Amino acid sequence: MKMRRMLAVLRTRNFEFLRDRATLVFNVLLPLGLVIAFAVIFGGQQRPLFKVGVVSGTEATLDGALHPFLGTRYVDFYRVPEAELDTAIRKVERHQADLLLDLRGSPRYWVNADSPKGYLAEKLLLETAAGARRQPVSGAAVRYVDWLLPGVLGMSMMFSCLFGVGYVVVRYRKSGFLRRLSATPLTALEFGVAQVLSRLAMSLGVSVLVYAALALLIEFRNDGSLLLLFATAALGAMSMISLGFMVAARVTSEELASGVLNLLSWPMMLLSGVWFSLEGAPAWLRMAAELLPLTQMLSAARAIMLDGAGLLDILPRLTALAAMTALFLGLAAAGFRWRTD
């Protein structure tokens, strides 16, 4: 090995990277963004010991002035809209919330008699203010593996969909393959739809195989329709593939494409509920998470698997995924670049 030749190639590659300013900026901003995101999500005071939903009927602050129990330290009190009372009760049944307190009129509360944390939360409530009516509920806890499985499968699909199209299309453009295609009658929309369908078949095929293998190896919960779950996965995959195609529509550098795709995938992995729920997080953060296709897909999938939800129950989620797919694909086709110049 000749040291001069190696150093010449090394120097050339370093200059190539440094001159690609967009890629350089992404390599600096991405870790900064991740650290800031973790600080916002996990920062602040010590994490609470109990999670308690509160139905107040007003917009008053959830503190001791509204009810003495709300002044208890190390308890995560989160507001429950009146229209979502049934959903909140179901979370208590499944040990996803430790207690639900309704302060409208005469105070009442729901607690799962089989929940150890619910038992302690109830003791704290009665210690601070007795007199609330007890509404006992029962139900088996949702195990973490039951809650985690849709998230892990969804995360795997996300990486496959974003990078499987976004990175590949940029490579096609850089190698001149797209330039040759531009001389044919093929339109950008036709090319995009073909890319979406191709990656969709591969992504769904792999996900089905993984799901079937896990069903044989471990026991997990699925109370809903497998066909509806498959349709949800298909719509979710299409939206993320279209997002990857939109990124690749004009990008000419593989390094820049990798940076942009990472910038999209990491927030989705952190904010879409892959590993943990955003319940109790700031309202603006939860609203931002709703704009991500992975959030819509995982929310619908968990509703099917854990709650046995039907088509009408998740129709708003599916509609959002279909709208995202149309928007991303339309923007990609409108701004598609066949050549690097």
C-alpha atoms as a PDB file:
ATOM      1  CA  MET A   1       0.000   0.000   0.000  1.00  0.00           C
ATOM      2  CA  LYS A   2       1.403   3.389  -1.076  1.00  0.00           C
ATOM      3  CA  MET A   3       0.901   5.986   1.641  1.00  0.00           C
ATOM      4  CA  ARG A   4       0.883   8.910  -0.827  1.00  0.00           C
ATOM      5  CA  ARG A   5      -1.966   7.436  -2.861  1.00  0.00           C
ATOM      6  CA  MET A   6      -3.971   6.673   0.270  1.00  0.00           C
ATOM      7  CA  LEU A   7      -3.432  10.183   1.671  1.00  0.00           C
ATOM      8  CA  ALA A   8      -4.415  11.705  -1.679  1.00  0.00           C
ATOM      9  CA  VAL A   9      -7.726   9.815  -1.688  1.00  0.00           C
ATOM     10  CA  LEU A  10      -8.247  10.670   1.989  1.00  0.00           C
ATOM     11  CA  ARG A  11      -7.665  14.373   1.322  1.00  0.00           C
ATOM     12  CA  THR A  12      -9.970  14.340  -1.710  1.00  0.00           C
ATOM     13  CA  ARG A  13     -12.794  12.679   0.213  1.00  0.00           C
ATOM     14  CA  ASN A  14     -12.446  15.121   3.107  1.00  0.00           C
ATOM     15  CA  PHE A  15     -12.656  18.104   0.764  1.00  0.00           C
ATOM     16  CA  GLU A  16     -15.655  16.532  -0.981  1.00  0.00           C
ATOM     17  CA  PHE A  17     -17.470  16.225   2.342  1.00  0.00           C
ATOM     18  CA  LEU A  18     -16.557  19.723   3.555  1.00  0.00           C
ATOM     19  CA  ARG A  19     -17.645  21.326   0.288  1.00  0.00           C
ATOM     20  CA  ASP A  20     -21.065  19.672   0.554  1.00  0.00           C
ATOM     21  CA  ARG A  21     -22.307  22.340   2.960  1.00  0.00           C
ATOM     22  CA  ALA A  22     -25.834  21.006   3.264  1.00  0.00           C
ATOM     23  CA  THR A  23     -24.593  17.613   4.429  1.00  0.00           C
ATOM     24  CA  LEU A  24     -22.136  19.248   6.818  1.00  0.00           C
ATOM     25  CA  VAL A  25     -24.936  21.316   8.365  1.00  0.00           C
ATOM     26  CA  PHE A  26     -27.138  18.240   8.829  1.00  0.00           C
ATOM     27  CA  ASN A  27     -24.314  16.358  10.531  1.00  0.00           C
ATOM     28  CA  VAL A  28     -24.032  19.224  13.011  1.00  0.00           C
ATOM     29  CA  LEU A  29     -27.735  19.928  13.519  1.00  0.00           C
ATOM     30  CA  LEU A  30     -28.936  16.327  13.837  1.00  0.00           C
ATOM     31  CA  PRO A  31     -27.152  15.472  17.116  1.00  0.00           C
ATOM     32  CA  LEU A  32     -28.042  18.920  18.487  1.00  0.00           C
ATOM     33  CA  GLY A  33     -31.696  18.321  17.654  1.00  0.00           C
ATOM     34  CA  LEU A  34     -31.680  14.872  19.250  1.00  0.00           C
ATOM     35  CA  VAL A  35     -30.176  16.132  22.499  1.00  0.00           C
ATOM     36  CA  ILE A  36     -32.672  19.003  22.660  1.00  0.00           C
ATOM     37  CA  ALA A  37     -35.574  16.615  21.929  1.00  0.00           C
ATOM     38  CA  PHE A  38     -34.513  14.248  24.714  1.00  0.00           C
ATOM     39  CA  ALA A  39     -34.113  17.206  27.062  1.00  0.00           C
ATOM     40  CA  VAL A  40     -37.651  18.397  26.321  1.00  0.00           C
ATOM     41  CA  ILE A  41     -39.215  14.937  26.661  1.00  0.00           C
ATOM     42  CA  PHE A  42     -37.250  13.564  29.610  1.00  0.00           C
ATOM     43  CA  GLY A  43     -35.958  16.737  31.241  1.00  0.00           C
ATOM     44  CA  GLY A  44     -37.411  18.669  34.129  1.00  0.00           C
ATOM     45  CA  GLN A  45     -38.306  17.325  37.527  1.00  0.00           C
ATOM     46  CA  GLN A  46     -37.984  13.756  38.724  1.00  0.00           C
ATOM     47  CA  ARG A  47     -40.459  11.501  36.967  1.00  0.00           C
ATOM     48  CA  PRO A  48     -43.728  10.915  38.878  1.00  0.00           C
ATOM     49  CA  LEU A  49     -44.623   7.652  40.593  1.00  0.00           C
ATOM     50  CA  PHE A  50     -48.317   7.578  39.679  1.00  0.00           C
ATOM     51  CA  LYS A  51     -50.397   8.608  36.674  1.00  0.00           C
ATOM     52  CA  VAL A  52     -53.849  10.044  37.449  1.00  0.00           C
ATOM     53  CA  GLY A  53     -56.381  11.333  34.950  1.00  0.00           C
ATOM     54  CA  VAL A  54     -58.592  14.268  35.991  1.00  0.00           C
ATOM     55  CA  VAL A  55     -61.969  15.267  34.540  1.00  0.00           C
ATOM     56  CA  SER A  56     -62.679  18.766  35.836  1.00  0.00           C
ATOM     57  CA  GLY A  57     -65.284  20.166  33.438  1.00  0.00           C
ATOM     58  CA  THR A  58     -63.392  23.497  33.482  1.00  0.00           C
ATOM     59  CA  GLU A  59     -60.100  24.849  32.190  1.00  0.00           C
ATOM     60  CA  ALA A  60     -58.862  25.563  35.721  1.00  0.00           C
ATOM     61  CA  THR A  61     -55.260  24.619  36.507  1.00  0.00           C
ATOM     62  CA  LEU A  62     -54.853  21.116  37.948  1.00  0.00           C
ATOM     63  CA  ASP A  63     -53.490  22.072  41.363  1.00  0.00           C
ATOM     64  CA  GLY A  64     -54.400  22.018  45.049  1.00  0.00           C
ATOM     65  CA  ALA A  65     -56.769  24.970  44.641  1.00  0.00           C
ATOM     66  CA  LEU A  66     -59.082  22.824  42.517  1.00  0.00           C
ATOM     67  CA  HIS A  67     -58.889  19.762  44.789  1.00  0.00           C
ATOM     68  CA  PRO A  68     -56.518  18.936  47.680  1.00  0.00           C
ATOM     69  CA  PHE A  69     -55.389  15.683  46.037  1.00  0.00           C
ATOM     70  CA  LEU A  70     -54.047  17.621  43.037  1.00  0.00           C
ATOM     71  CA  GLY A  71     -51.396  19.170  45.256  1.00  0.00           C
ATOM     72  CA  THR A  72     -49.777  15.782  45.923  1.00  0.00           C
ATOM     73  CA  ARG A  73     -46.163  15.588  44.827  1.00  0.00           C
ATOM     74  CA  TYR A  74     -44.753  12.871  42.520  1.00  0.00           C
ATOM     75  CA  VAL A  75     -48.137  12.269  40.879  1.00  0.00           C
ATOM     76  CA  ASP A  76     -48.606  12.975  37.169  1.00  0.00           C
ATOM     77  CA  PHE A  77     -52.043  14.613  36.868  1.00  0.00           C
ATOM     78  CA  TYR A  78     -53.210  14.953  33.277  1.00  0.00           C
ATOM     79  CA  ARG A  79     -56.444  16.476  31.999  1.00  0.00           C
ATOM     80  CA  VAL A  80     -59.055  14.169  30.465  1.00  0.00           C
ATOM     81  CA  PRO A  81     -61.667  15.776  28.149  1.00  0.00           C
ATOM     82  CA  GLU A  82     -65.257  14.934  29.066  1.00  0.00           C
ATOM     83  CA  ALA A  83     -65.805  13.274  25.679  1.00  0.00           C
ATOM     84  CA  GLU A  84     -62.925  10.845  26.381  1.00  0.00           C
ATOM     85  CA  LEU A  85     -64.177   9.592  29.762  1.00  0.00           C
ATOM     86  CA  ASP A  86     -64.863   6.066  28.487  1.00  0.00           C
ATOM     87  CA  THR A  87     -61.371   5.840  26.976  1.00  0.00           C
ATOM     88  CA  ALA A  88     -59.831   7.026  30.253  1.00  0.00           C
ATOM     89  CA  ILE A  89     -61.802   4.409  32.236  1.00  0.00           C
ATOM     90  CA  ARG A  90     -60.543   1.722  29.861  1.00  0.00           C
ATOM     91  CA  LYS A  91     -56.967   2.826  30.578  1.00  0.00           C
ATOM     92  CA  VAL A  92     -57.596   2.349  34.311  1.00  0.00           C
ATOM     93  CA  GLU A  93     -58.995  -1.115  33.590  1.00  0.00           C
ATOM     94  CA  ARG A  94     -55.826  -2.010  31.702  1.00  0.00           C
ATOM     95  CA  HIS A  95     -53.400  -0.527  34.261  1.00  0.00           C
ATOM     96  CA  GLN A  96     -52.304   2.189  31.815  1.00  0.00           C
ATOM     97  CA  ALA A  97     -53.476   4.818  34.327  1.00  0.00           C
ATOM     98  CA  ASP A  98     -53.450   4.335  38.091  1.00  0.00           C
ATOM     99  CA  LEU A  99     -56.590   6.295  38.929  1.00  0.00           C
ATOM    100  CA  LEU A 100     -59.227   8.499  37.272  1.00  0.00           C
ATOM    101  CA  LEU A 101     -60.744  11.376  39.255  1.00  0.00           C
ATOM    102  CA  ASP A 102     -63.951  13.117  38.143  1.00  0.00           C
ATOM    103  CA  LEU A 103     -64.450  16.493  39.851  1.00  0.00           C
ATOM    104  CA  ARG A 104     -67.696  17.436  38.119  1.00  0.00           C
ATOM    105  CA  GLY A 105     -70.421  17.767  40.734  1.00  0.00           C
ATOM    106  CA  SER A 106     -69.948  15.257  43.522  1.00  0.00           C
ATOM    107  CA  PRO A 107     -66.355  13.908  43.185  1.00  0.00           C
ATOM    108  CA  ARG A 108     -65.959  10.265  42.149  1.00  0.00           C
ATOM    109  CA  TYR A 109     -63.026   8.156  41.083  1.00  0.00           C
ATOM    110  CA  TRP A 110     -62.265   4.938  39.232  1.00  0.00           C
ATOM    111  CA  VAL A 111     -59.569   2.555  40.399  1.00  0.00           C
ATOM    112  CA  ASN A 112     -58.592  -0.952  39.367  1.00  0.00           C
ATOM    113  CA  ALA A 113     -58.855  -3.187  42.423  1.00  0.00           C
ATOM    114  CA  ASP A 114     -56.127  -5.460  41.008  1.00  0.00           C
ATOM    115  CA  SER A 115     -53.581  -2.678  40.433  1.00  0.00           C
ATOM    116  CA  PRO A 116     -50.876  -2.260  43.130  1.00  0.00           C
ATOM    117  CA  LYS A 117     -50.156   1.310  42.037  1.00  0.00           C
ATOM    118  CA  GLY A 118     -53.874   2.040  41.873  1.00  0.00           C
ATOM    119  CA  TYR A 119     -54.208   0.847  45.478  1.00  0.00           C
ATOM    120  CA  LEU A 120     -51.509   3.289  46.638  1.00  0.00           C
ATOM    121  CA  ALA A 121     -52.919   6.169  44.552  1.00  0.00           C
ATOM    122  CA  GLU A 122     -56.320   5.579  46.138  1.00  0.00           C
ATOM    123  CA  LYS A 123     -54.765   5.709  49.612  1.00  0.00           C
ATOM    124  CA  LEU A 124     -53.196   9.083  48.760  1.00  0.00           C
ATOM    125  CA  LEU A 125     -56.535  10.392  47.489  1.00  0.00           C
ATOM    126  CA  LEU A 126     -58.455   9.339  50.615  1.00  0.00           C
ATOM    127  CA  GLU A 127     -55.680  10.695  52.832  1.00  0.00           C
ATOM    128  CA  THR A 128     -55.983  14.187  51.339  1.00  0.00           C
ATOM    129  CA  ALA A 129     -59.770  14.361  50.892  1.00  0.00           C
ATOM    130  CA  ALA A 130     -62.225  11.631  51.801  1.00  0.00           C
ATOM    131  CA  GLY A 131     -65.784  11.523  50.504  1.00  0.00           C
ATOM    132  CA  ALA A 132     -65.300  10.827  46.805  1.00  0.00           C
ATOM    133  CA  ARG A 133     -67.443   7.998  45.468  1.00  0.00           C
ATOM    134  CA  ARG A 134     -65.473   4.877  44.551  1.00  0.00           C
ATOM    135  CA  GLN A 135     -66.106   3.307  41.135  1.00  0.00           C
ATOM    136  CA  PRO A 136     -64.169   0.016  41.096  1.00  0.00           C
ATOM    137  CA  VAL A 137     -63.248  -1.490  37.735  1.00  0.00           C
ATOM    138  CA  SER A 138     -61.364  -4.627  36.778  1.00  0.00           C
ATOM    139  CA  GLY A 139     -59.316  -5.829  33.883  1.00  0.00           C
ATOM    140  CA  ALA A 140     -56.023  -7.433  32.958  1.00  0.00           C
ATOM    141  CA  ALA A 141     -52.999  -5.222  32.522  1.00  0.00           C
ATOM    142  CA  VAL A 142     -51.724  -4.487  29.045  1.00  0.00           C
ATOM    143  CA  ARG A 143     -48.211  -5.917  29.115  1.00  0.00           C
ATOM    144  CA  TYR A 144     -45.381  -3.826  27.776  1.00  0.00           C
ATOM    145  CA  VAL A 145     -44.716  -6.408  25.040  1.00  0.00           C
ATOM    146  CA  ASP A 146     -48.335  -6.023  23.860  1.00  0.00           C
ATOM    147  CA  TRP A 147     -47.917  -2.249  23.706  1.00  0.00           C
ATOM    148  CA  LEU A 148     -44.401  -2.364  22.263  1.00  0.00           C
ATOM    149  CA  LEU A 149     -44.959  -4.845  19.415  1.00  0.00           C
ATOM    150  CA  PRO A 150     -46.831  -2.437  17.063  1.00  0.00           C
ATOM    151  CA  GLY A 151     -44.202   0.209  17.752  1.00  0.00           C
ATOM    152  CA  VAL A 152     -41.249  -1.999  16.871  1.00  0.00           C
ATOM    153  CA  LEU A 153     -42.900  -3.286  13.691  1.00  0.00           C
ATOM    154  CA  GLY A 154     -43.886   0.255  12.739  1.00  0.00           C
ATOM    155  CA  MET A 155     -40.359   1.539  13.340  1.00  0.00           C
ATOM    156  CA  SER A 156     -38.923  -1.208  11.143  1.00  0.00           C
ATOM    157  CA  MET A 157     -41.388  -0.314   8.378  1.00  0.00           C
ATOM    158  CA  MET A 158     -40.527   3.375   8.727  1.00  0.00           C
ATOM    159  CA  PHE A 159     -36.798   2.856   8.117  1.00  0.00           C
ATOM    160  CA  SER A 160     -37.475   0.434   5.270  1.00  0.00           C
ATOM    161  CA  CYS A 161     -39.933   2.809   3.582  1.00  0.00           C
ATOM    162  CA  LEU A 162     -37.987   6.050   3.974  1.00  0.00           C
ATOM    163  CA  PHE A 163     -34.525   4.788   3.072  1.00  0.00           C
ATOM    164  CA  GLY A 164     -35.702   2.098   0.644  1.00  0.00           C
ATOM    165  CA  VAL A 165     -37.090   4.769  -1.686  1.00  0.00           C
ATOM    166  CA  GLY A 166     -35.461   8.052  -0.695  1.00  0.00           C
ATOM    167  CA  TYR A 167     -31.878   6.824  -0.828  1.00  0.00           C
ATOM    168  CA  VAL A 168     -32.343   4.604  -3.884  1.00  0.00           C
ATOM    169  CA  VAL A 169     -33.944   7.304  -6.046  1.00  0.00           C
ATOM    170  CA  VAL A 170     -31.078   9.692  -5.278  1.00  0.00           C
ATOM    171  CA  ARG A 171     -28.618   6.986  -6.304  1.00  0.00           C
ATOM    172  CA  TYR A 172     -30.564   6.487  -9.554  1.00  0.00           C
ATOM    173  CA  ARG A 173     -30.285  10.201 -10.274  1.00  0.00           C
ATOM    174  CA  LYS A 174     -26.588  10.373  -9.459  1.00  0.00           C
ATOM    175  CA  SER A 175     -25.742   7.356 -11.632  1.00  0.00           C
ATOM    176  CA  GLY A 176     -27.608   8.797 -14.629  1.00  0.00           C
ATOM    177  CA  PHE A 177     -30.320   6.118 -14.650  1.00  0.00           C
ATOM    178  CA  LEU A 178     -33.089   8.706 -14.209  1.00  0.00           C
ATOM    179  CA  ARG A 179     -31.612  10.787 -17.007  1.00  0.00           C
ATOM    180  CA  ARG A 180     -32.079   7.886 -19.385  1.00  0.00           C
ATOM    181  CA  LEU A 181     -35.637   7.345 -18.131  1.00  0.00           C
ATOM    182  CA  SER A 182     -36.458  10.993 -18.825  1.00  0.00           C
ATOM    183  CA  ALA A 183     -36.071  10.254 -22.546  1.00  0.00           C
ATOM    184  CA  THR A 184     -38.978   7.789 -22.357  1.00  0.00           C
ATOM    185  CA  PRO A 185     -42.718   8.636 -22.125  1.00  0.00           C
ATOM    186  CA  LEU A 186     -42.610   7.774 -18.392  1.00  0.00           C
ATOM    187  CA  THR A 187     -43.964  10.600 -16.191  1.00  0.00           C
ATOM    188  CA  ALA A 188     -42.708  11.512 -12.729  1.00  0.00           C
ATOM    189  CA  LEU A 189     -46.024  10.445 -11.177  1.00  0.00           C
ATOM    190  CA  GLU A 190     -45.893   7.041 -12.900  1.00  0.00           C
ATOM    191  CA  PHE A 191     -42.323   6.537 -11.721  1.00  0.00           C
ATOM    192  CA  GLY A 192     -43.281   7.550  -8.186  1.00  0.00           C
ATOM    193  CA  VAL A 193     -46.305   5.241  -8.013  1.00  0.00           C
ATOM    194  CA  ALA A 194     -44.173   2.343  -9.267  1.00  0.00           C
ATOM    195  CA  GLN A 195     -41.584   3.045  -6.570  1.00  0.00           C
ATOM    196  CA  VAL A 196     -44.294   3.236  -3.878  1.00  0.00           C
ATOM    197  CA  LEU A 197     -45.929  -0.036  -4.932  1.00  0.00           C
ATOM    198  CA  SER A 198     -42.612  -1.867  -5.208  1.00  0.00           C
ATOM    199  CA  ARG A 199     -41.419  -0.844  -1.743  1.00  0.00           C
ATOM    200  CA  LEU A 200     -44.926  -1.387  -0.346  1.00  0.00           C
ATOM    201  CA  ALA A 201     -44.951  -5.036  -1.440  1.00  0.00           C
ATOM    202  CA  MET A 202     -41.508  -5.678   0.044  1.00  0.00           C
ATOM    203  CA  SER A 203     -42.181  -3.824   3.295  1.00  0.00           C
ATOM    204  CA  LEU A 204     -45.532  -5.504   3.922  1.00  0.00           C
ATOM    205  CA  GLY A 205     -44.142  -8.907   2.999  1.00  0.00           C
ATOM    206  CA  VAL A 206     -41.319  -8.606   5.539  1.00  0.00           C
ATOM    207  CA  SER A 207     -43.691  -7.265   8.226  1.00  0.00           C
ATOM    208  CA  VAL A 208     -46.144 -10.130   7.729  1.00  0.00           C
ATOM    209  CA  LEU A 209     -43.329 -12.677   8.032  1.00  0.00           C
ATOM    210  CA  VAL A 210     -42.031 -11.029  11.219  1.00  0.00           C
ATOM    211  CA  TYR A 211     -45.534 -10.882  12.705  1.00  0.00           C
ATOM    212  CA  ALA A 212     -46.149 -14.559  11.912  1.00  0.00           C
ATOM    213  CA  ALA A 213     -42.792 -15.586  13.387  1.00  0.00           C
ATOM    214  CA  LEU A 214     -43.461 -13.621  16.588  1.00  0.00           C
ATOM    215  CA  ALA A 215     -46.915 -15.183  16.864  1.00  0.00           C
ATOM    216  CA  LEU A 216     -45.246 -18.604  16.933  1.00  0.00           C
ATOM    217  CA  LEU A 217     -42.502 -17.619  19.380  1.00  0.00           C
ATOM    218  CA  ILE A 218     -44.219 -15.400  21.948  1.00  0.00           C
ATOM    219  CA  GLU A 219     -47.720 -14.712  23.177  1.00  0.00           C
ATOM    220  CA  PHE A 220     -49.041 -11.218  22.508  1.00  0.00           C
ATOM    221  CA  ARG A 221     -52.437  -9.582  22.415  1.00  0.00           C
ATOM    222  CA  ASN A 222     -54.503  -8.914  19.296  1.00  0.00           C
ATOM    223  CA  ASP A 223     -58.210  -8.407  19.918  1.00  0.00           C
ATOM    224  CA  GLY A 224     -58.993  -6.947  16.506  1.00  0.00           C
ATOM    225  CA  SER A 225     -59.206  -7.921  12.862  1.00  0.00           C
ATOM    226  CA  LEU A 226     -56.033  -9.052  11.125  1.00  0.00           C
ATOM    227  CA  LEU A 227     -57.392  -7.781   7.808  1.00  0.00           C
ATOM    228  CA  LEU A 228     -57.981  -4.315   9.253  1.00  0.00           C
ATOM    229  CA  LEU A 229     -54.523  -4.368  10.828  1.00  0.00           C
ATOM    230  CA  PHE A 230     -53.015  -5.251   7.435  1.00  0.00           C
ATOM    231  CA  ALA A 231     -54.925  -2.396   5.754  1.00  0.00           C
ATOM    232  CA  THR A 232     -53.645   0.017   8.421  1.00  0.00           C
ATOM    233  CA  ALA A 233     -50.067  -1.139   7.876  1.00  0.00           C
ATOM    234  CA  ALA A 234     -50.492  -0.765   4.100  1.00  0.00           C
ATOM    235  CA  LEU A 235     -51.768   2.814   4.363  1.00  0.00           C
ATOM    236  CA  GLY A 236     -49.072   3.710   6.874  1.00  0.00           C
ATOM    237  CA  ALA A 237     -46.350   2.241   4.663  1.00  0.00           C
ATOM    238  CA  MET A 238     -47.657   4.100   1.610  1.00  0.00           C
ATOM    239  CA  SER A 239     -47.576   7.434   3.457  1.00  0.00           C
ATOM    240  CA  MET A 240     -43.988   6.924   4.631  1.00  0.00           C
ATOM    241  CA  ILE A 241     -42.812   5.675   1.228  1.00  0.00           C
ATOM    242  CA  SER A 242     -44.367   8.773  -0.362  1.00  0.00           C
ATOM    243  CA  LEU A 243     -42.574  10.921   2.217  1.00  0.00           C
ATOM    244  CA  GLY A 244     -39.264   9.297   1.296  1.00  0.00           C
ATOM    245  CA  PHE A 245     -39.988   9.819  -2.409  1.00  0.00           C
ATOM    246  CA  MET A 246     -40.784  13.496  -1.748  1.00  0.00           C
ATOM    247  CA  VAL A 247     -37.367  13.934  -0.090  1.00  0.00           C
ATOM    248  CA  ALA A 248     -35.644  12.257  -3.042  1.00  0.00           C
ATOM    249  CA  ALA A 249     -37.558  14.266  -5.651  1.00  0.00           C
ATOM    250  CA  ARG A 250     -34.904  16.974  -5.905  1.00  0.00           C
ATOM    251  CA  VAL A 251     -31.944  15.941  -3.726  1.00  0.00           C
ATOM    252  CA  THR A 252     -28.836  15.055  -5.726  1.00  0.00           C
ATOM    253  CA  SER A 253     -26.401  14.070  -2.945  1.00  0.00           C
ATOM    254  CA  GLU A 254     -26.615  10.698  -1.230  1.00  0.00           C
ATOM    255  CA  GLU A 255     -25.081  12.199   1.907  1.00  0.00           C
ATOM    256  CA  LEU A 256     -27.679  14.972   2.007  1.00  0.00           C
ATOM    257  CA  ALA A 257     -30.491  12.477   1.400  1.00  0.00           C
ATOM    258  CA  SER A 258     -29.244  10.372   4.308  1.00  0.00           C
ATOM    259  CA  GLY A 259     -29.168  13.457   6.544  1.00  0.00           C
ATOM    260  CA  VAL A 260     -32.679  14.582   5.636  1.00  0.00           C
ATOM    261  CA  LEU A 261     -34.112  11.077   6.041  1.00  0.00           C
ATOM    262  CA  ASN A 262     -32.463  10.754   9.450  1.00  0.00           C
ATOM    263  CA  LEU A 263     -33.869  14.154  10.376  1.00  0.00           C
ATOM    264  CA  LEU A 264     -37.345  12.816   9.552  1.00  0.00           C
ATOM    265  CA  SER A 265     -37.016   9.321  11.025  1.00  0.00           C
ATOM    266  CA  TRP A 266     -35.592  10.206  14.442  1.00  0.00           C
ATOM    267  CA  PRO A 267     -38.398  12.588  15.479  1.00  0.00           C
ATOM    268  CA  MET A 268     -40.917   9.991  14.337  1.00  0.00           C
ATOM    269  CA  MET A 269     -39.188   7.305  16.368  1.00  0.00           C
ATOM    270  CA  LEU A 270     -39.137   9.547  19.455  1.00  0.00           C
ATOM    271  CA  LEU A 271     -42.538  11.244  19.206  1.00  0.00           C
ATOM    272  CA  SER A 272     -44.792   8.651  17.560  1.00  0.00           C
ATOM    273  CA  GLY A 273     -45.036   6.350  20.575  1.00  0.00           C
ATOM    274  CA  VAL A 274     -42.666   3.599  19.469  1.00  0.00           C
ATOM    275  CA  TRP A 275     -41.114   3.085  22.910  1.00  0.00           C
ATOM    276  CA  PHE A 276     -43.258   5.168  25.267  1.00  0.00           C
ATOM    277  CA  SER A 277     -46.527   7.088  25.393  1.00  0.00           C
ATOM    278  CA  LEU A 278     -46.570  10.874  25.175  1.00  0.00           C
ATOM    279  CA  GLU A 279     -49.487  11.051  27.597  1.00  0.00           C
ATOM    280  CA  GLY A 280     -48.761  13.841  30.050  1.00  0.00           C
ATOM    281  CA  ALA A 281     -46.307  15.529  27.636  1.00  0.00           C
ATOM    282  CA  PRO A 282     -46.848  19.209  26.701  1.00  0.00           C
ATOM    283  CA  ALA A 283     -49.923  19.747  24.537  1.00  0.00           C
ATOM    284  CA  TRP A 284     -47.900  21.343  21.713  1.00  0.00           C
ATOM    285  CA  LEU A 285     -45.639  18.279  21.563  1.00  0.00           C
ATOM    286  CA  ARG A 286     -48.603  15.900  21.302  1.00  0.00           C
ATOM    287  CA  MET A 287     -50.159  18.079  18.585  1.00  0.00           C
ATOM    288  CA  ALA A 288     -46.894  18.026  16.630  1.00  0.00           C
ATOM    289  CA  ALA A 289     -46.738  14.236  16.956  1.00  0.00           C
ATOM    290  CA  GLU A 290     -50.188  13.944  15.363  1.00  0.00           C
ATOM    291  CA  LEU A 291     -48.742  15.380  12.143  1.00  0.00           C
ATOM    292  CA  LEU A 292     -46.389  12.401  11.742  1.00  0.00           C
ATOM    293  CA  PRO A 293     -47.568   9.422   9.637  1.00  0.00           C
ATOM    294  CA  LEU A 294     -46.017   6.920  12.054  1.00  0.00           C
ATOM    295  CA  THR A 295     -48.129   8.367  14.904  1.00  0.00           C
ATOM    296  CA  GLN A 296     -51.327   7.847  12.937  1.00  0.00           C
ATOM    297  CA  MET A 297     -50.381   4.304  11.960  1.00  0.00           C
ATOM    298  CA  LEU A 298     -49.338   3.216  15.469  1.00  0.00           C
ATOM    299  CA  SER A 299     -52.393   4.778  17.122  1.00  0.00           C
ATOM    300  CA  ALA A 300     -54.674   2.905  14.731  1.00  0.00           C
ATOM    301  CA  ALA A 301     -52.719  -0.362  15.070  1.00  0.00           C
ATOM    302  CA  ARG A 302     -52.774  -0.250  18.882  1.00  0.00           C
ATOM    303  CA  ALA A 303     -56.487   0.542  18.870  1.00  0.00           C
ATOM    304  CA  ILE A 304     -57.065  -2.583  16.758  1.00  0.00           C
ATOM    305  CA  MET A 305     -54.753  -4.906  18.697  1.00  0.00           C
ATOM    306  CA  LEU A 306     -55.411  -3.723  22.260  1.00  0.00           C
ATOM    307  CA  ASP A 307     -58.991  -2.418  22.093  1.00  0.00           C
ATOM    308  CA  GLY A 308     -60.461  -4.509  19.284  1.00  0.00           C
ATOM    309  CA  ALA A 309     -61.351  -1.315  17.378  1.00  0.00           C
ATOM    310  CA  GLY A 310     -63.330  -1.586  14.165  1.00  0.00           C
ATOM    311  CA  LEU A 311     -63.141   0.337  10.899  1.00  0.00           C
ATOM    312  CA  LEU A 312     -65.317   3.243  12.070  1.00  0.00           C
ATOM    313  CA  ASP A 313     -63.217   3.678  15.219  1.00  0.00           C
ATOM    314  CA  ILE A 314     -59.978   4.231  13.315  1.00  0.00           C
ATOM    315  CA  LEU A 315     -61.434   5.795  10.163  1.00  0.00           C
ATOM    316  CA  PRO A 316     -60.089   9.297  11.032  1.00  0.00           C
ATOM    317  CA  ARG A 317     -56.583   7.832  11.358  1.00  0.00           C
ATOM    318  CA  LEU A 318     -56.847   6.003   8.038  1.00  0.00           C
ATOM    319  CA  THR A 319     -58.206   9.132   6.351  1.00  0.00           C
ATOM    320  CA  ALA A 320     -55.239  11.126   7.648  1.00  0.00           C
ATOM    321  CA  LEU A 321     -52.804   8.518   6.293  1.00  0.00           C
ATOM    322  CA  ALA A 322     -54.494   8.537   2.883  1.00  0.00           C
ATOM    323  CA  ALA A 323     -54.378  12.354   2.778  1.00  0.00           C
ATOM    324  CA  MET A 324     -50.677  12.360   3.718  1.00  0.00           C
ATOM    325  CA  THR A 325     -49.938   9.842   0.974  1.00  0.00           C
ATOM    326  CA  ALA A 326     -51.693  11.955  -1.657  1.00  0.00           C
ATOM    327  CA  LEU A 327     -49.994  15.152  -0.449  1.00  0.00           C
ATOM    328  CA  PHE A 328     -46.455  13.718  -0.328  1.00  0.00           C
ATOM    329  CA  LEU A 329     -46.784  11.942  -3.666  1.00  0.00           C
ATOM    330  CA  GLY A 330     -48.289  15.013  -5.345  1.00  0.00           C
ATOM    331  CA  LEU A 331     -45.502  17.291  -4.079  1.00  0.00           C
ATOM    332  CA  ALA A 332     -42.872  14.779  -5.153  1.00  0.00           C
ATOM    333  CA  ALA A 333     -44.289  14.455  -8.660  1.00  0.00           C
ATOM    334  CA  ALA A 334     -44.630  18.244  -9.049  1.00  0.00           C
ATOM    335  CA  GLY A 335     -41.023  18.949  -8.089  1.00  0.00           C
ATOM    336  CA  PHE A 336     -39.343  15.828  -9.411  1.00  0.00           C
ATOM    337  CA  ARG A 337     -35.910  16.282 -11.001  1.00  0.00           C
ATOM    338  CA  TRP A 338     -34.686  13.712 -13.520  1.00  0.00           C
ATOM    339  CA  ARG A 339     -31.145  15.088 -13.769  1.00  0.00           C
ATOM    340  CA  THR A 340     -28.525  16.227 -11.298  1.00  0.00           C
ATOM    341  CA  ASP A 341     -27.967  19.550 -13.137  1.00  0.00           C
END
